[in-house]
C-alpha atoms as a PDB file:
ATOM      1  CA  MET A   1       1.828   6.099  35.675  1.00  0.00           C
ATOM      2  CA  SER A   2       1.143   4.119  38.840  1.00  0.00           C
ATOM      3  CA  ASP A   3       1.371   0.321  38.853  1.00  0.00           C
ATOM      4  CA  GLU A   4      -2.322   0.195  39.810  1.00  0.00           C
ATOM      5  CA  LYS A   5      -3.321   2.214  36.748  1.00  0.00           C
ATOM      6  CA  ALA A   6      -1.121   0.142  34.436  1.00  0.00           C
ATOM      7  CA  GLU A   7      -2.562  -3.090  35.788  1.00  0.00           C
ATOM      8  CA  THR A   8      -6.082  -1.709  35.397  1.00  0.00           C
ATOM      9  CA  LEU A   9      -5.367  -0.739  31.795  1.00  0.00           C
ATOM     10  CA  ASP A  10      -4.171  -4.243  31.002  1.00  0.00           C
ATOM     11  CA  LYS A  11      -7.534  -5.580  32.162  1.00  0.00           C
ATOM     12  CA  ASP A  12     -10.048  -2.899  31.231  1.00  0.00           C
ATOM     13  CA  HIS A  13     -10.068  -1.127  27.884  1.00  0.00           C
ATOM     14  CA  ASP A  14     -12.628   1.385  29.143  1.00  0.00           C
ATOM     15  CA  PHE A  15      -9.992   2.984  31.389  1.00  0.00           C
ATOM     16  CA  HIS A  16      -8.571   5.924  29.452  1.00  0.00           C
ATOM     17  CA  TYR A  17      -4.835   6.222  28.857  1.00  0.00           C
ATOM     18  CA  GLU A  18      -3.356   9.275  27.190  1.00  0.00           C
ATOM     19  CA  ILE A  19      -1.402   8.533  24.015  1.00  0.00           C
ATOM     20  CA  ALA A  20       1.167  11.090  22.923  1.00  0.00           C
ATOM     21  CA  PRO A  21       4.191  11.051  20.594  1.00  0.00           C
ATOM     22  CA  ARG A  22       7.757  11.186  21.894  1.00  0.00           C
ATOM     23  CA  ARG A  23      10.086  13.119  19.600  1.00  0.00           C
ATOM     24  CA  VAL A  24      12.995  10.711  19.912  1.00  0.00           C
ATOM     25  CA  SER A  25      16.209  10.581  17.906  1.00  0.00           C
ATOM     26  CA  PHE A  26      18.990   8.015  17.542  1.00  0.00           C
ATOM     27  CA  ASP A  27      22.672   8.245  16.688  1.00  0.00           C
ATOM     28  CA  TRP A  28      23.541   5.503  14.190  1.00  0.00           C
ATOM     29  CA  ASP A  29      27.228   6.323  13.706  1.00  0.00           C
ATOM     30  CA  SER A  30      28.458   3.378  15.794  1.00  0.00           C
ATOM     31  CA  THR A  31      25.814   0.819  14.848  1.00  0.00           C
ATOM     32  CA  PRO A  32      27.279  -2.033  12.782  1.00  0.00           C
ATOM     33  CA  LEU A  33      25.478  -3.565   9.828  1.00  0.00           C
ATOM     34  CA  ARG A  34      25.357  -6.879  11.711  1.00  0.00           C
ATOM     35  CA  TRP A  35      23.858  -5.369  14.863  1.00  0.00           C
ATOM     36  CA  ILE A  36      23.247  -8.806  16.424  1.00  0.00           C
ATOM     37  CA  PRO A  37      26.820 -10.198  16.424  1.00  0.00           C
ATOM     38  CA  ASP A  38      27.299 -13.343  14.321  1.00  0.00           C
ATOM     39  CA  GLU A  39      23.556 -13.576  13.635  1.00  0.00           C
ATOM     40  CA  PRO A  40      22.922 -12.414  10.065  1.00  0.00           C
ATOM     41  CA  THR A  41      19.563 -14.165   9.695  1.00  0.00           C
ATOM     42  CA  ALA A  42      18.096 -12.820  12.931  1.00  0.00           C
ATOM     43  CA  THR A  43      19.514  -9.368  12.191  1.00  0.00           C
ATOM     44  CA  HIS A  44      17.937  -9.154   8.760  1.00  0.00           C
ATOM     45  CA  VAL A  45      14.621 -10.770   9.653  1.00  0.00           C
ATOM     46  CA  ILE A  46      14.190  -7.963  12.193  1.00  0.00           C
ATOM     47  CA  ASN A  47      15.587  -5.407   9.730  1.00  0.00           C
ATOM     48  CA  VAL A  48      12.575  -6.052   7.486  1.00  0.00           C
ATOM     49  CA  LEU A  49      10.753  -3.695   9.856  1.00  0.00           C
ATOM     50  CA  HIS A  50      12.804  -0.846   8.408  1.00  0.00           C
ATOM     51  CA  LEU A  51      11.742  -1.823   4.892  1.00  0.00           C
ATOM     52  CA  LEU A  52       8.023  -1.904   5.640  1.00  0.00           C
ATOM     53  CA  LEU A  53       7.386   0.706   8.313  1.00  0.00           C
ATOM     54  CA  PRO A  54       8.386   4.027   6.726  1.00  0.00           C
ATOM     55  CA  ALA A  55       5.821   3.716   3.928  1.00  0.00           C
ATOM     56  CA  GLY A  56       3.354   1.673   5.970  1.00  0.00           C
ATOM     57  CA  GLU A  57       3.139   4.078   8.869  1.00  0.00           C
ATOM     58  CA  ARG A  58       2.922   7.111   6.587  1.00  0.00           C
ATOM     59  CA  TRP A  59      -0.037   5.334   5.025  1.00  0.00           C
ATOM     60  CA  PHE A  60      -1.654   4.712   8.428  1.00  0.00           C
ATOM     61  CA  VAL A  61      -1.558   8.456   9.066  1.00  0.00           C
ATOM     62  CA  LYS A  62      -3.022   9.289   5.640  1.00  0.00           C
ATOM     63  CA  VAL A  63      -5.920   6.854   6.109  1.00  0.00           C
ATOM     64  CA  PHE A  64      -6.674   8.208   9.567  1.00  0.00           C
ATOM     65  CA  LYS A  65      -6.611  11.780   8.280  1.00  0.00           C
ATOM     66  CA  GLU A  66      -9.273  10.817   5.755  1.00  0.00           C
ATOM     67  CA  ALA A  67     -11.390   9.295   8.502  1.00  0.00           C
ATOM     68  CA  LEU A  68     -11.041  12.093  11.084  1.00  0.00           C
ATOM     69  CA  PRO A  69     -14.261  13.869   9.965  1.00  0.00           C
ATOM     70  CA  LEU A  70     -16.193  10.687  10.845  1.00  0.00           C
ATOM     71  CA  VAL A  71     -15.071  10.679  14.493  1.00  0.00           C
ATOM     72  CA  ARG A  72     -17.748  11.979  16.835  1.00  0.00           C
ATOM     73  CA  ASP A  73     -16.145  11.023  20.151  1.00  0.00           C
ATOM     74  CA  GLU A  74     -13.713  13.534  21.692  1.00  0.00           C
ATOM     75  CA  ALA A  75     -11.711  10.959  23.643  1.00  0.00           C
ATOM     76  CA  MET A  76     -11.283   8.853  20.529  1.00  0.00           C
ATOM     77  CA  LEU A  77     -10.257  11.907  18.540  1.00  0.00           C
ATOM     78  CA  ARG A  78      -7.479  12.616  21.060  1.00  0.00           C
ATOM     79  CA  ASP A  79      -6.335   8.995  20.906  1.00  0.00           C
ATOM     80  CA  VAL A  80      -6.322   9.002  17.119  1.00  0.00           C
ATOM     81  CA  LYS A  81      -4.279  12.202  16.969  1.00  0.00           C
ATOM     82  CA  GLY A  82      -1.832  10.738  19.496  1.00  0.00           C
ATOM     83  CA  PHE A  83      -1.616   7.564  17.407  1.00  0.00           C
ATOM     84  CA  MET A  84      -0.948   9.611  14.282  1.00  0.00           C
ATOM     85  CA  GLY A  85       1.823  11.522  16.028  1.00  0.00           C
ATOM     86  CA  GLN A  86       3.473   8.327  17.239  1.00  0.00           C
ATOM     87  CA  GLU A  87       3.239   6.657  13.840  1.00  0.00           C
ATOM     88  CA  THR A  88       4.718   9.699  12.107  1.00  0.00           C
ATOM     89  CA  THR A  89       7.733   9.557  14.421  1.00  0.00           C
ATOM     90  CA  HIS A  90       8.095   5.790  13.871  1.00  0.00           C
ATOM     91  CA  SER A  91       8.136   6.294  10.108  1.00  0.00           C
ATOM     92  CA  VAL A  92      10.808   8.984  10.299  1.00  0.00           C
ATOM     93  CA  GLN A  93      13.095   7.032  12.622  1.00  0.00           C
ATOM     94  CA  HIS A  94      12.934   3.826  10.568  1.00  0.00           C
ATOM     95  CA  SER A  95      13.680   5.877   7.440  1.00  0.00           C
ATOM     96  CA  HIS A  96      16.891   7.011   9.118  1.00  0.00           C
ATOM     97  CA  VAL A  97      17.846   3.350   9.561  1.00  0.00           C
ATOM     98  CA  LEU A  98      17.429   2.825   5.808  1.00  0.00           C
ATOM     99  CA  ASP A  99      19.832   5.727   5.251  1.00  0.00           C
ATOM    100  CA  HIS A 100      22.272   4.075   7.661  1.00  0.00           C
ATOM    101  CA  LEU A 101      22.013   0.760   5.790  1.00  0.00           C
ATOM    102  CA  ALA A 102      22.647   2.545   2.494  1.00  0.00           C
ATOM    103  CA  ALA A 103      25.721   4.232   3.981  1.00  0.00           C
ATOM    104  CA  GLN A 104      27.021   0.731   4.722  1.00  0.00           C
ATOM    105  CA  ARG A 105      26.476  -0.348   1.110  1.00  0.00           C
ATOM    106  CA  LEU A 106      23.165  -2.132   1.673  1.00  0.00           C
ATOM    107  CA  ASP A 107      20.833  -0.277  -0.705  1.00  0.00           C
ATOM    108  CA  THR A 108      17.199  -1.153  -0.013  1.00  0.00           C
ATOM    109  CA  SER A 109      15.551   0.946  -2.722  1.00  0.00           C
ATOM    110  CA  ALA A 110      14.977  -1.990  -5.082  1.00  0.00           C
ATOM    111  CA  TYR A 111      12.733  -3.523  -2.423  1.00  0.00           C
ATOM    112  CA  THR A 112      11.170  -0.449  -0.834  1.00  0.00           C
ATOM    113  CA  ARG A 113       9.891   0.893  -4.148  1.00  0.00           C
ATOM    114  CA  HIS A 114       7.505  -2.088  -4.235  1.00  0.00           C
ATOM    115  CA  VAL A 115       6.399  -1.339  -0.665  1.00  0.00           C
ATOM    116  CA  ASP A 116       5.848   2.299  -1.631  1.00  0.00           C
ATOM    117  CA  TYR A 117       3.747   1.200  -4.610  1.00  0.00           C
ATOM    118  CA  LEU A 118       1.636  -1.049  -2.399  1.00  0.00           C
ATOM    119  CA  PHE A 119       0.749   1.665   0.083  1.00  0.00           C
ATOM    120  CA  GLU A 120       0.749   4.749  -2.120  1.00  0.00           C
ATOM    121  CA  GLN A 121      -0.879   3.354  -5.265  1.00  0.00           C
ATOM    122  CA  LEU A 122      -2.716   0.091  -4.605  1.00  0.00           C
ATOM    123  CA  LEU A 123      -4.008   1.306  -1.225  1.00  0.00           C
ATOM    124  CA  GLY A 124      -4.235   5.012  -1.998  1.00  0.00           C
ATOM    125  CA  GLU A 125      -7.243   7.284  -1.676  1.00  0.00           C
ATOM    126  CA  THR A 126      -9.021   5.788  -4.688  1.00  0.00           C
ATOM    127  CA  PRO A 127      -9.551   2.081  -5.441  1.00  0.00           C
ATOM    128  CA  PRO A 128      -6.984   0.747  -7.949  1.00  0.00           C
ATOM    129  CA  PHE A 129      -7.767  -0.523 -11.431  1.00  0.00           C
ATOM    130  CA  GLY A 130     -11.140   1.234 -11.455  1.00  0.00           C
ATOM    131  CA  LEU A 131     -12.661  -1.162  -8.927  1.00  0.00           C
ATOM    132  CA  PRO A 132     -16.369  -0.355  -8.429  1.00  0.00           C
ATOM    133  CA  VAL A 133     -16.093   0.386  -4.686  1.00  0.00           C
ATOM    134  CA  SER A 134     -17.663   3.433  -3.047  1.00  0.00           C
ATOM    135  CA  ALA A 135     -15.410   5.954  -1.320  1.00  0.00           C
ATOM    136  CA  ARG A 136     -16.950   5.109   2.067  1.00  0.00           C
ATOM    137  CA  GLU A 137     -16.467   1.371   1.620  1.00  0.00           C
ATOM    138  CA  TRP A 138     -12.889   1.820   0.397  1.00  0.00           C
ATOM    139  CA  LEU A 139     -12.093   3.889   3.468  1.00  0.00           C
ATOM    140  CA  ARG A 140     -13.652   1.254   5.721  1.00  0.00           C
ATOM    141  CA  PHE A 141     -11.584  -1.464   4.046  1.00  0.00           C
ATOM    142  CA  ARG A 142      -8.352   0.460   4.578  1.00  0.00           C
ATOM    143  CA  LEU A 143      -9.238   1.223   8.202  1.00  0.00           C
ATOM    144  CA  ALA A 144      -9.828  -2.506   8.681  1.00  0.00           C
ATOM    145  CA  LEU A 145      -6.408  -3.238   7.164  1.00  0.00           C
ATOM    146  CA  VAL A 146      -4.732  -0.793   9.561  1.00  0.00           C
ATOM    147  CA  ALA A 147      -6.453  -2.485  12.501  1.00  0.00           C
ATOM    148  CA  ALA A 148      -5.341  -5.934  11.320  1.00  0.00           C
ATOM    149  CA  ILE A 149      -1.730  -4.817  10.840  1.00  0.00           C
ATOM    150  CA  GLU A 150      -1.752  -3.211  14.283  1.00  0.00           C
ATOM    151  CA  GLN A 151      -2.695  -6.595  15.742  1.00  0.00           C
ATOM    152  CA  PHE A 152       0.702  -7.893  14.641  1.00  0.00           C
ATOM    153  CA  THR A 153       2.627  -4.773  15.649  1.00  0.00           C
ATOM    154  CA  ALA A 154       1.205  -5.071  19.177  1.00  0.00           C
ATOM    155  CA  VAL A 155       2.244  -8.730  19.355  1.00  0.00           C
ATOM    156  CA  LEU A 156       5.722  -7.930  18.042  1.00  0.00           C
ATOM    157  CA  GLY A 157       6.003  -4.935  20.358  1.00  0.00           C
ATOM    158  CA  ASP A 158       5.254  -7.023  23.412  1.00  0.00           C
ATOM    159  CA  TRP A 159       7.634  -9.753  22.227  1.00  0.00           C
ATOM    160  CA  VAL A 160      10.614  -7.415  21.818  1.00  0.00           C
ATOM    161  CA  LEU A 161      10.051  -6.024  25.309  1.00  0.00           C
ATOM    162  CA  ARG A 162      10.302  -9.593  26.671  1.00  0.00           C
ATOM    163  CA  ALA A 163      13.081 -10.841  24.380  1.00  0.00           C
ATOM    164  CA  ASP A 164      15.816 -11.782  26.856  1.00  0.00           C
ATOM    165  CA  GLY A 165      17.532 -13.709  24.057  1.00  0.00           C
ATOM    166  CA  LEU A 166      18.302 -10.436  22.328  1.00  0.00           C
ATOM    167  CA  ASP A 167      19.979  -9.052  25.442  1.00  0.00           C
ATOM    168  CA  ALA A 168      22.056 -12.217  25.805  1.00  0.00           C
ATOM    169  CA  ALA A 169      23.266 -11.932  22.188  1.00  0.00           C
ATOM    170  CA  GLY A 170      24.982  -8.587  22.860  1.00  0.00           C
ATOM    171  CA  PRO A 171      23.138  -6.454  20.271  1.00  0.00           C
ATOM    172  CA  ASP A 172      23.883  -2.860  19.398  1.00  0.00           C
ATOM    173  CA  PRO A 173      22.232  -0.869  22.219  1.00  0.00           C
ATOM    174  CA  VAL A 174      20.952   1.907  19.952  1.00  0.00           C
ATOM    175  CA  MET A 175      19.116  -0.504  17.665  1.00  0.00           C
ATOM    176  CA  LEU A 176      17.709  -2.397  20.630  1.00  0.00           C
ATOM    177  CA  ASP A 177      16.429   0.848  22.126  1.00  0.00           C
ATOM    178  CA  LEU A 178      14.797   1.811  18.816  1.00  0.00           C
ATOM    179  CA  LEU A 179      13.021  -1.538  18.638  1.00  0.00           C
ATOM    180  CA  ARG A 180      11.895  -1.480  22.255  1.00  0.00           C
ATOM    181  CA  TRP A 181      10.824   2.172  22.231  1.00  0.00           C
ATOM    182  CA  HIS A 182       8.792   1.473  19.109  1.00  0.00           C
ATOM    183  CA  GLY A 183       7.443  -1.793  20.512  1.00  0.00           C
ATOM    184  CA  ALA A 184       6.389  -0.095  23.736  1.00  0.00           C
ATOM    185  CA  GLU A 185       4.468   2.578  21.834  1.00  0.00           C
ATOM    186  CA  GLU A 186       2.775  -0.127  19.750  1.00  0.00           C
ATOM    187  CA  VAL A 187       1.534  -1.689  22.988  1.00  0.00           C
ATOM    188  CA  GLU A 188       0.512   1.763  24.250  1.00  0.00           C
ATOM    189  CA  HIS A 189      -1.732   2.400  21.256  1.00  0.00           C
ATOM    190  CA  ARG A 190      -2.623  -1.265  20.600  1.00  0.00           C
ATOM    191  CA  ALA A 191      -6.390  -0.598  20.599  1.00  0.00           C
ATOM    192  CA  VAL A 192      -6.622   2.733  18.755  1.00  0.00           C
ATOM    193  CA  ALA A 193      -6.781   1.424  15.174  1.00  0.00           C
ATOM    194  CA  PHE A 194      -9.265  -1.267  16.194  1.00  0.00           C
ATOM    195  CA  ASP A 195     -11.480   1.243  17.997  1.00  0.00           C
ATOM    196  CA  MET A 196     -11.233   3.635  15.052  1.00  0.00           C
ATOM    197  CA  PHE A 197     -12.427   0.905  12.698  1.00  0.00           C
ATOM    198  CA  GLN A 198     -15.241  -0.091  15.058  1.00  0.00           C
ATOM    199  CA  HIS A 199     -16.313   3.560  15.200  1.00  0.00           C
ATOM    200  CA  CYS A 200     -16.205   4.136  11.433  1.00  0.00           C
ATOM    201  CA  GLY A 201     -16.600   0.653   9.963  1.00  0.00           C
ATOM    202  CA  GLY A 202     -20.362   0.239  10.042  1.00  0.00           C
ATOM    203  CA  HIS A 203     -22.442  -1.927  12.358  1.00  0.00           C
ATOM    204  CA  GLY A 204     -23.300  -5.521  13.194  1.00  0.00           C
ATOM    205  CA  LEU A 205     -22.354  -8.481  11.036  1.00  0.00           C
ATOM    206  CA  PRO A 206     -21.127  -6.414   8.038  1.00  0.00           C
ATOM    207  CA  ARG A 207     -18.616  -4.641  10.286  1.00  0.00           C
ATOM    208  CA  TYR A 208     -17.359  -7.956  11.674  1.00  0.00           C
ATOM    209  CA  LEU A 209     -17.050  -9.388   8.163  1.00  0.00           C
ATOM    210  CA  ARG A 210     -15.000  -6.362   7.081  1.00  0.00           C
ATOM    211  CA  ARG A 211     -12.707  -6.869  10.066  1.00  0.00           C
ATOM    212  CA  ALA A 212     -12.316 -10.612   9.483  1.00  0.00           C
ATOM    213  CA  GLY A 213     -11.835 -10.108   5.743  1.00  0.00           C
ATOM    214  CA  ALA A 214      -9.078  -7.588   6.336  1.00  0.00           C
ATOM    215  CA  MET A 215      -7.183 -10.043   8.557  1.00  0.00           C
ATOM    216  CA  THR A 216      -7.630 -12.762   5.928  1.00  0.00           C
ATOM    217  CA  VAL A 217      -5.837 -10.494   3.462  1.00  0.00           C
ATOM    218  CA  THR A 218      -3.301  -9.003   5.874  1.00  0.00           C
ATOM    219  CA  ALA A 219      -1.789 -12.151   7.420  1.00  0.00           C
ATOM    220  CA  PRO A 220      -0.560 -13.852   4.226  1.00  0.00           C
ATOM    221  CA  VAL A 221       0.535 -10.589   2.586  1.00  0.00           C
ATOM    222  CA  LEU A 222       2.601  -9.606   5.634  1.00  0.00           C
ATOM    223  CA  ALA A 223       4.163 -13.078   5.774  1.00  0.00           C
ATOM    224  CA  TRP A 224       5.092 -12.874   2.089  1.00  0.00           C
ATOM    225  CA  LEU A 225       6.517  -9.351   2.419  1.00  0.00           C
ATOM    226  CA  TRP A 226       8.553 -10.381   5.448  1.00  0.00           C
ATOM    227  CA  LEU A 227      10.064 -13.490   3.880  1.00  0.00           C
ATOM    228  CA  ARG A 228      10.848 -11.630   0.650  1.00  0.00           C
ATOM    229  CA  GLY A 229      12.356  -8.777   2.633  1.00  0.00           C
ATOM    230  CA  ALA A 230      14.573 -11.058   4.692  1.00  0.00           C
ATOM    231  CA  SER A 231      15.734 -12.832   1.534  1.00  0.00           C
ATOM    232  CA  TYR A 232      16.512  -9.499  -0.111  1.00  0.00           C
ATOM    233  CA  LEU A 233      18.530  -8.169   2.816  1.00  0.00           C
ATOM    234  CA  ILE A 234      20.570 -11.350   3.274  1.00  0.00           C
ATOM    235  CA  HIS A 235      21.247 -11.651  -0.449  1.00  0.00           C
ATOM    236  CA  ASN A 236      22.373  -8.005  -0.708  1.00  0.00           C
ATOM    237  CA  ASP A 237      24.348  -7.781   2.535  1.00  0.00           C
ATOM    238  CA  PRO A 238      27.801  -6.728   1.294  1.00  0.00           C
ATOM    239  CA  GLN A 239      29.515  -8.402   4.236  1.00  0.00           C
ATOM    240  CA  LEU A 240      28.010 -11.763   3.303  1.00  0.00           C
ATOM    241  CA  GLY A 241      29.001 -11.508  -0.350  1.00  0.00           C
ATOM    242  CA  GLY A 242      26.198 -13.798  -1.472  1.00  0.00           C
ATOM    243  CA  ARG A 243      27.452 -16.697   0.665  1.00  0.00           C
ATOM    244  CA  LEU A 244      24.209 -17.022   2.633  1.00  0.00           C
ATOM    245  CA  ARG A 245      20.552 -17.335   1.685  1.00  0.00           C
ATOM    246  CA  TYR A 246      17.483 -16.985   3.851  1.00  0.00           C
ATOM    247  CA  SER A 247      16.364 -20.406   5.069  1.00  0.00           C
ATOM    248  CA  LEU A 248      13.708 -21.645   7.458  1.00  0.00           C
ATOM    249  CA  SER A 249      16.286 -23.774   9.250  1.00  0.00           C
ATOM    250  CA  GLU A 250      18.403 -20.700  10.069  1.00  0.00           C
ATOM    251  CA  HIS A 251      15.266 -18.769  10.983  1.00  0.00           C
ATOM    252  CA  ASN A 252      14.146 -21.541  13.347  1.00  0.00           C
ATOM    253  CA  ARG A 253      17.610 -21.692  14.898  1.00  0.00           C
ATOM    254  CA  ALA A 254      17.309 -17.979  15.702  1.00  0.00           C
ATOM    255  CA  VAL A 255      13.835 -18.584  17.138  1.00  0.00           C
ATOM    256  CA  ALA A 256      15.233 -21.325  19.387  1.00  0.00           C
ATOM    257  CA  LYS A 257      17.827 -18.866  20.700  1.00  0.00           C
ATOM    258  CA  GLY A 258      15.128 -16.322  21.530  1.00  0.00           C
ATOM    259  CA  LEU A 259      16.265 -13.880  18.847  1.00  0.00           C
ATOM    260  CA  LEU A 260      12.983 -13.998  16.926  1.00  0.00           C
ATOM    261  CA  PRO A 261       9.363 -14.609  17.982  1.00  0.00           C
ATOM    262  CA  THR A 262       8.023 -18.125  17.567  1.00  0.00           C
ATOM    263  CA  TRP A 263       5.757 -18.997  14.667  1.00  0.00           C
ATOM    264  CA  ARG A 264       3.146 -20.095  17.194  1.00  0.00           C
ATOM    265  CA  GLU A 265       3.219 -16.731  18.954  1.00  0.00           C
ATOM    266  CA  LEU A 266       2.655 -14.916  15.672  1.00  0.00           C
ATOM    267  CA  GLY A 267       0.097 -17.371  14.333  1.00  0.00           C
ATOM    268  CA  ALA A 268      -1.982 -17.397  17.514  1.00  0.00           C
ATOM    269  CA  ALA A 269      -2.654 -13.685  17.049  1.00  0.00           C
ATOM    270  CA  ILE A 270      -4.905 -14.503  14.087  1.00  0.00           C
ATOM    271  CA  PRO A 271      -7.620 -16.692  15.673  1.00  0.00           C
ATOM    272  CA  ARG A 272      -7.796 -14.300  18.637  1.00  0.00           C
ATOM    273  CA  TYR A 273      -8.578 -11.504  16.219  1.00  0.00           C
ATOM    274  CA  PHE A 274     -11.385 -13.513  14.605  1.00  0.00           C
ATOM    275  CA  ARG A 275     -13.334 -13.781  17.873  1.00  0.00           C
ATOM    276  CA  ARG A 276     -16.464 -11.646  17.733  1.00  0.00           C
ATOM    277  CA  SER A 277     -15.822 -10.457  21.301  1.00  0.00           C
ATOM    278  CA  TYR A 278     -12.152  -9.615  20.678  1.00  0.00           C
ATOM    279  CA  HIS A 279     -10.594  -6.354  21.810  1.00  0.00           C
ATOM    280  CA  PRO A 280      -6.828  -5.629  21.533  1.00  0.00           C
ATOM    281  CA  SER A 281      -6.641  -4.101  25.017  1.00  0.00           C
ATOM    282  CA  GLN A 282      -5.675  -7.618  26.085  1.00  0.00           C
ATOM    283  CA  GLU A 283      -2.637  -7.816  23.766  1.00  0.00           C
ATOM    284  CA  GLY A 284       0.650  -7.615  25.601  1.00  0.00           C
ATOM    285  CA  SER A 285       1.290  -5.745  28.831  1.00  0.00           C
ATOM    286  CA  LEU A 286       0.809  -2.004  29.025  1.00  0.00           C
ATOM    287  CA  ARG A 287       2.606  -2.015  32.353  1.00  0.00           C
ATOM    288  CA  ARG A 288       5.698  -3.535  30.714  1.00  0.00           C
ATOM    289  CA  ALA A 289       5.540  -0.949  27.927  1.00  0.00           C
ATOM    290  CA  VAL A 290       5.192   1.978  30.309  1.00  0.00           C
ATOM    291  CA  ASP A 291       8.050   0.671  32.444  1.00  0.00           C
ATOM    292  CA  TYR A 292      10.338   0.487  29.418  1.00  0.00           C
ATOM    293  CA  LEU A 293       9.436   3.959  28.202  1.00  0.00           C
ATOM    294  CA  ALA A 294      10.419   5.303  31.615  1.00  0.00           C
ATOM    295  CA  THR A 295      13.940   3.906  31.137  1.00  0.00           C
ATOM    296  CA  SER A 296      14.481   4.061  27.351  1.00  0.00           C
ATOM    297  CA  PRO A 297      17.515   6.277  26.638  1.00  0.00           C
ATOM    298  CA  ALA A 298      15.838   7.821  23.584  1.00  0.00           C
ATOM    299  CA  ALA A 299      12.499   8.420  25.320  1.00  0.00           C
ATOM    300  CA  ARG A 300      14.200   9.894  28.396  1.00  0.00           C
ATOM    301  CA  ALA A 301      16.299  12.200  26.210  1.00  0.00           C
ATOM    302  CA  ALA A 302      13.170  13.345  24.358  1.00  0.00           C
ATOM    303  CA  ALA A 303      11.354  14.035  27.626  1.00  0.00           C
ATOM    304  CA  GLY A 304      14.377  15.943  28.935  1.00  0.00           C
ATOM    305  CA  ALA A 305      14.500  18.090  25.814  1.00  0.00           C
ATOM    306  CA  ILE A 306      10.822  18.989  26.269  1.00  0.00           C
ATOM    307  CA  GLY A 307      11.479  19.877  29.891  1.00  0.00           C
ATOM    308  CA  ARG A 308      14.413  22.112  28.985  1.00  0.00           C
ATOM    309  CA  ARG A 309      12.364  23.923  26.359  1.00  0.00           C
ATOM    310  CA  ALA A 310       9.555  24.446  28.864  1.00  0.00           C
ATOM    311  CA  VAL A 311      11.957  25.950  31.387  1.00  0.00           C
ATOM    312  CA  ALA A 312      13.576  28.153  28.757  1.00  0.00           C
ATOM    313  CA  GLY A 313      10.187  29.311  27.513  1.00  0.00           C
END
């Protein structure tokens, strides 16, 4: 993509950008459990992504599949299918990281079964506990939740692409590439879930209230899941032997070193989302994301494999 197009896309969400999955793969054989050297708190705060995303992104795809019959715009339908393909790949690759953690004696199943229950049961196709909610309204609520979660994934994706502190810490290059490839694709498709909700979520004030209500639920639940996940990983890290606990002081020390996003950066994403005029095309830099995807070892290898198959075919 040209620089002019990337700059235009960062300013104008009406300019169309094709979203397509990249069938990447990663070799975890040489990745240590402490993939940011001497930084267990930063390592495991980021590792919470692997706990949440396999089930969460499978759920995104299921919700969008339910909503596909409601899409009447061909361009949006292509974007949604591209989004679904990207999210499916994200889920698979983060699941492989969980297998790698288990191989290093950090079993995450005691935590992830609760995440699975949240997405598969509480937020499944039918309202839980016999709640008197129509099928259409339940689908709209879940689409609004996906859009709210994607607000944070876009913010995190842009942060990891800018995180010079991570480079300075000497992290495992494979894990850093996974995080930045994923982050770049989150910036690529930053507006798809929002646009899908706007398309299917009703009209006027009720639609805005659904969107705002979903963020009101999403922000505290994500914060709770993240803090619990970090605590779980640190407590169960076999190399730490129970000598360390998650603490805000250690978290803030990692933030000061540029190893984690600031609380302000994360928190500021919420009031932006509550603006009636908000659109996520302004989150992050698409140009930065596209530039990284052009150099990502995993993305380049995936593109090369497609090229070789095309030549062979």
